[in-house]
């Protein structure tokens, strides 16, 4: 029973983390960082999952940025 509760907590934390990261813009950054700080990240497993989600988001942003920059270079 306890293991199922931990899985539910992890799933809820993942949903909340993804929801915050999906709203990320320069204008909303400070507010969303505060929301992220308020998440209950109280185990190593939760911390690892959140770190992976953040790195995944950063990687996606970097890929979009590189695509955009390449298009600009092609147009010049």
N, C-alpha and C. Protein backbone atom coordinates (compact mmCIF):
# COMPACT_ATOMS: atom_id res chain seq x y z
N UNK A 1 0.82 -1.20 0.00
CA UNK A 1 0.00 0.00 0.00
C UNK A 1 0.87 1.26 0.00
N UNK A 2 1.93 1.24 0.82
CA UNK A 2 2.80 2.40 0.91
C UNK A 2 3.49 2.69 -0.42
N UNK A 3 3.90 1.66 -1.13
CA UNK A 3 4.55 1.83 -2.42
C UNK A 3 3.62 2.51 -3.41
N UNK A 4 2.36 2.14 -3.41
CA UNK A 4 1.38 2.75 -4.30
C UNK A 4 1.22 4.24 -3.98
N UNK A 5 1.25 4.57 -2.69
CA UNK A 5 1.17 5.97 -2.29
C UNK A 5 2.35 6.78 -2.79
N UNK A 6 3.53 6.18 -2.76
CA UNK A 6 4.74 6.85 -3.27
C UNK A 6 4.64 7.05 -4.78
N UNK A 7 4.10 6.05 -5.48
CA UNK A 7 3.92 6.18 -6.93
C UNK A 7 2.94 7.30 -7.24
N UNK A 8 1.86 7.38 -6.45
CA UNK A 8 0.89 8.45 -6.65
C UNK A 8 1.52 9.82 -6.41
N UNK A 9 2.35 9.92 -5.37
CA UNK A 9 3.05 11.17 -5.08
C UNK A 9 3.98 11.56 -6.23
N UNK A 10 4.71 10.58 -6.74
CA UNK A 10 5.63 10.85 -7.87
C UNK A 10 4.86 11.30 -9.09
N UNK A 11 3.75 10.63 -9.38
CA UNK A 11 2.94 10.99 -10.56
C UNK A 11 2.38 12.40 -10.40
N UNK A 12 1.89 12.72 -9.20
CA UNK A 12 1.34 14.06 -8.96
C UNK A 12 2.44 15.12 -9.09
N UNK A 13 3.62 14.83 -8.55
CA UNK A 13 4.73 15.76 -8.64
C UNK A 13 5.15 15.96 -10.09
N UNK A 14 5.18 14.88 -10.86
CA UNK A 14 5.54 14.99 -12.27
C UNK A 14 4.53 15.87 -13.02
N UNK A 15 3.24 15.65 -12.76
CA UNK A 15 2.21 16.46 -13.43
C UNK A 15 2.36 17.94 -13.08
N UNK A 16 2.56 18.22 -11.78
CA UNK A 16 2.71 19.61 -11.35
C UNK A 16 3.96 20.24 -11.94
N UNK A 17 5.05 19.49 -11.96
CA UNK A 17 6.31 20.01 -12.51
C UNK A 17 6.18 20.30 -13.99
N UNK A 18 5.60 19.36 -14.73
CA UNK A 18 5.41 19.57 -16.17
C UNK A 18 4.50 20.76 -16.44
N UNK A 19 3.46 20.91 -15.63
CA UNK A 19 2.54 22.04 -15.81
C UNK A 19 3.26 23.36 -15.63
N UNK A 20 4.13 23.43 -14.63
CA UNK A 20 4.91 24.65 -14.41
C UNK A 20 5.87 24.88 -15.58
N UNK A 21 6.59 23.86 -15.96
CA UNK A 21 7.59 24.00 -17.03
C UNK A 21 6.95 24.34 -18.37
N UNK A 22 5.74 23.84 -18.62
CA UNK A 22 5.06 24.13 -19.87
C UNK A 22 4.61 25.58 -19.98
N UNK A 23 4.49 26.26 -18.86
CA UNK A 23 4.07 27.67 -18.85
C UNK A 23 5.26 28.63 -18.88
N UNK A 24 6.45 28.09 -18.89
CA UNK A 24 7.66 28.88 -18.74
C UNK A 24 7.87 29.87 -19.88
N UNK A 25 7.93 31.14 -19.52
CA UNK A 25 8.27 32.22 -20.44
C UNK A 25 9.13 33.21 -19.65
N UNK A 26 9.86 34.08 -20.33
CA UNK A 26 10.64 35.08 -19.58
C UNK A 26 9.76 35.94 -18.66
N UNK A 27 8.56 36.26 -19.10
CA UNK A 27 7.68 37.11 -18.31
C UNK A 27 7.17 36.40 -17.06
N UNK A 28 7.00 35.09 -17.11
CA UNK A 28 6.45 34.33 -15.99
C UNK A 28 7.52 33.62 -15.17
N UNK A 29 8.78 33.81 -15.53
CA UNK A 29 9.86 33.02 -14.94
C UNK A 29 9.89 33.09 -13.41
N UNK A 30 9.91 34.29 -12.84
CA UNK A 30 10.04 34.43 -11.38
C UNK A 30 8.87 33.77 -10.65
N UNK A 31 7.67 33.99 -11.15
CA UNK A 31 6.48 33.41 -10.52
C UNK A 31 6.53 31.89 -10.58
N UNK A 32 6.94 31.34 -11.72
CA UNK A 32 6.97 29.89 -11.88
C UNK A 32 8.12 29.26 -11.08
N UNK A 33 9.22 29.94 -10.96
CA UNK A 33 10.32 29.44 -10.11
C UNK A 33 9.82 29.33 -8.68
N UNK A 34 9.09 30.32 -8.23
CA UNK A 34 8.54 30.27 -6.87
C UNK A 34 7.59 29.07 -6.71
N UNK A 35 6.74 28.85 -7.71
CA UNK A 35 5.84 27.70 -7.66
C UNK A 35 6.62 26.39 -7.62
N UNK A 36 7.71 26.33 -8.38
CA UNK A 36 8.53 25.13 -8.40
C UNK A 36 9.18 24.90 -7.02
N UNK A 37 9.62 25.98 -6.39
CA UNK A 37 10.23 25.88 -5.06
C UNK A 37 9.23 25.37 -4.02
N UNK A 38 7.96 25.62 -4.24
CA UNK A 38 6.92 25.22 -3.29
C UNK A 38 6.51 23.75 -3.44
N UNK A 39 6.98 23.08 -4.49
CA UNK A 39 6.66 21.67 -4.66
C UNK A 39 7.31 20.85 -3.55
N UNK A 40 6.67 19.76 -3.18
CA UNK A 40 7.21 18.91 -2.12
C UNK A 40 8.22 17.93 -2.72
N UNK A 41 9.46 18.37 -2.74
CA UNK A 41 10.56 17.54 -3.27
C UNK A 41 11.38 17.13 -2.05
N UNK A 42 10.98 16.01 -1.46
CA UNK A 42 11.56 15.61 -0.19
C UNK A 42 12.27 14.26 -0.21
N UNK A 43 12.51 13.74 -1.41
CA UNK A 43 13.28 12.50 -1.52
C UNK A 43 14.25 12.64 -2.68
N UNK A 44 15.25 11.80 -2.68
CA UNK A 44 16.23 11.81 -3.78
C UNK A 44 15.55 11.46 -5.11
N UNK A 45 14.62 10.53 -5.08
CA UNK A 45 13.92 10.12 -6.31
C UNK A 45 13.12 11.28 -6.89
N UNK A 46 12.46 12.03 -6.03
CA UNK A 46 11.67 13.18 -6.49
C UNK A 46 12.60 14.26 -7.07
N UNK A 47 13.71 14.50 -6.39
CA UNK A 47 14.68 15.49 -6.87
C UNK A 47 15.23 15.08 -8.23
N UNK A 48 15.59 13.82 -8.36
CA UNK A 48 16.13 13.32 -9.63
C UNK A 48 15.12 13.49 -10.75
N UNK A 49 13.87 13.14 -10.49
CA UNK A 49 12.84 13.26 -11.53
C UNK A 49 12.66 14.72 -11.94
N UNK A 50 12.61 15.62 -10.96
CA UNK A 50 12.43 17.04 -11.28
C UNK A 50 13.61 17.59 -12.06
N UNK A 51 14.80 17.19 -11.68
CA UNK A 51 16.00 17.63 -12.41
C UNK A 51 15.95 17.14 -13.85
N UNK A 52 15.54 15.90 -14.05
CA UNK A 52 15.44 15.37 -15.41
C UNK A 52 14.41 16.13 -16.22
N UNK A 53 13.30 16.50 -15.60
CA UNK A 53 12.27 17.26 -16.31
C UNK A 53 12.79 18.65 -16.70
N UNK A 54 13.54 19.28 -15.80
CA UNK A 54 14.10 20.60 -16.10
C UNK A 54 15.11 20.50 -17.24
N UNK A 55 16.00 19.51 -17.18
CA UNK A 55 16.98 19.34 -18.25
C UNK A 55 16.30 19.01 -19.58
N UNK A 56 15.24 18.23 -19.54
CA UNK A 56 14.48 17.91 -20.75
C UNK A 56 13.91 19.20 -21.35
N UNK A 57 13.37 20.06 -20.51
CA UNK A 57 12.79 21.33 -20.98
C UNK A 57 13.88 22.23 -21.57
N UNK A 58 15.00 22.33 -20.89
CA UNK A 58 16.11 23.16 -21.38
C UNK A 58 16.59 22.65 -22.73
N UNK A 59 16.69 21.33 -22.86
CA UNK A 59 17.13 20.74 -24.12
C UNK A 59 16.16 21.09 -25.25
N UNK A 60 14.87 21.02 -24.99
CA UNK A 60 13.88 21.37 -26.01
C UNK A 60 13.98 22.84 -26.41
N UNK A 61 14.18 23.69 -25.41
CA UNK A 61 14.31 25.13 -25.70
C UNK A 61 15.56 25.37 -26.54
N UNK A 62 16.66 24.73 -26.20
CA UNK A 62 17.89 24.91 -26.96
C UNK A 62 17.74 24.43 -28.40
N UNK A 63 17.06 23.31 -28.60
CA UNK A 63 16.85 22.81 -29.97
C UNK A 63 16.02 23.79 -30.78
N UNK A 64 14.98 24.37 -30.17
CA UNK A 64 14.16 25.35 -30.89
C UNK A 64 14.98 26.59 -31.21
N UNK A 65 15.80 27.01 -30.27
CA UNK A 65 16.64 28.18 -30.48
C UNK A 65 17.62 27.94 -31.62
N UNK A 66 18.25 26.78 -31.64
CA UNK A 66 19.19 26.47 -32.72
C UNK A 66 18.49 26.41 -34.08
N UNK A 67 17.31 25.85 -34.11
CA UNK A 67 16.53 25.80 -35.36
C UNK A 67 16.23 27.21 -35.83
N UNK A 68 15.82 28.06 -34.92
CA UNK A 68 15.51 29.45 -35.25
C UNK A 68 16.75 30.17 -35.76
N UNK A 69 17.87 29.99 -35.08
CA UNK A 69 19.11 30.65 -35.50
C UNK A 69 19.56 30.16 -36.87
N UNK A 70 19.42 28.87 -37.14
CA UNK A 70 19.78 28.33 -38.45
C UNK A 70 18.92 28.94 -39.55
N UNK A 71 17.65 29.11 -39.28
CA UNK A 71 16.77 29.74 -40.27
C UNK A 71 17.18 31.16 -40.56
N UNK A 72 17.57 31.89 -39.53
CA UNK A 72 18.02 33.25 -39.71
C UNK A 72 19.28 33.29 -40.57
N UNK A 73 20.21 32.37 -40.29
CA UNK A 73 21.47 32.33 -41.05
C UNK A 73 21.20 32.00 -42.51
N UNK A 74 20.26 31.14 -42.77
CA UNK A 74 19.91 30.78 -44.15
C UNK A 74 19.34 31.97 -44.88
N UNK A 75 18.55 32.78 -44.20
CA UNK A 75 17.90 33.94 -44.82
C UNK A 75 18.89 35.06 -45.11
N UNK A 76 19.98 35.10 -44.38
CA UNK A 76 20.93 36.20 -44.57
C UNK A 76 21.80 36.04 -45.76
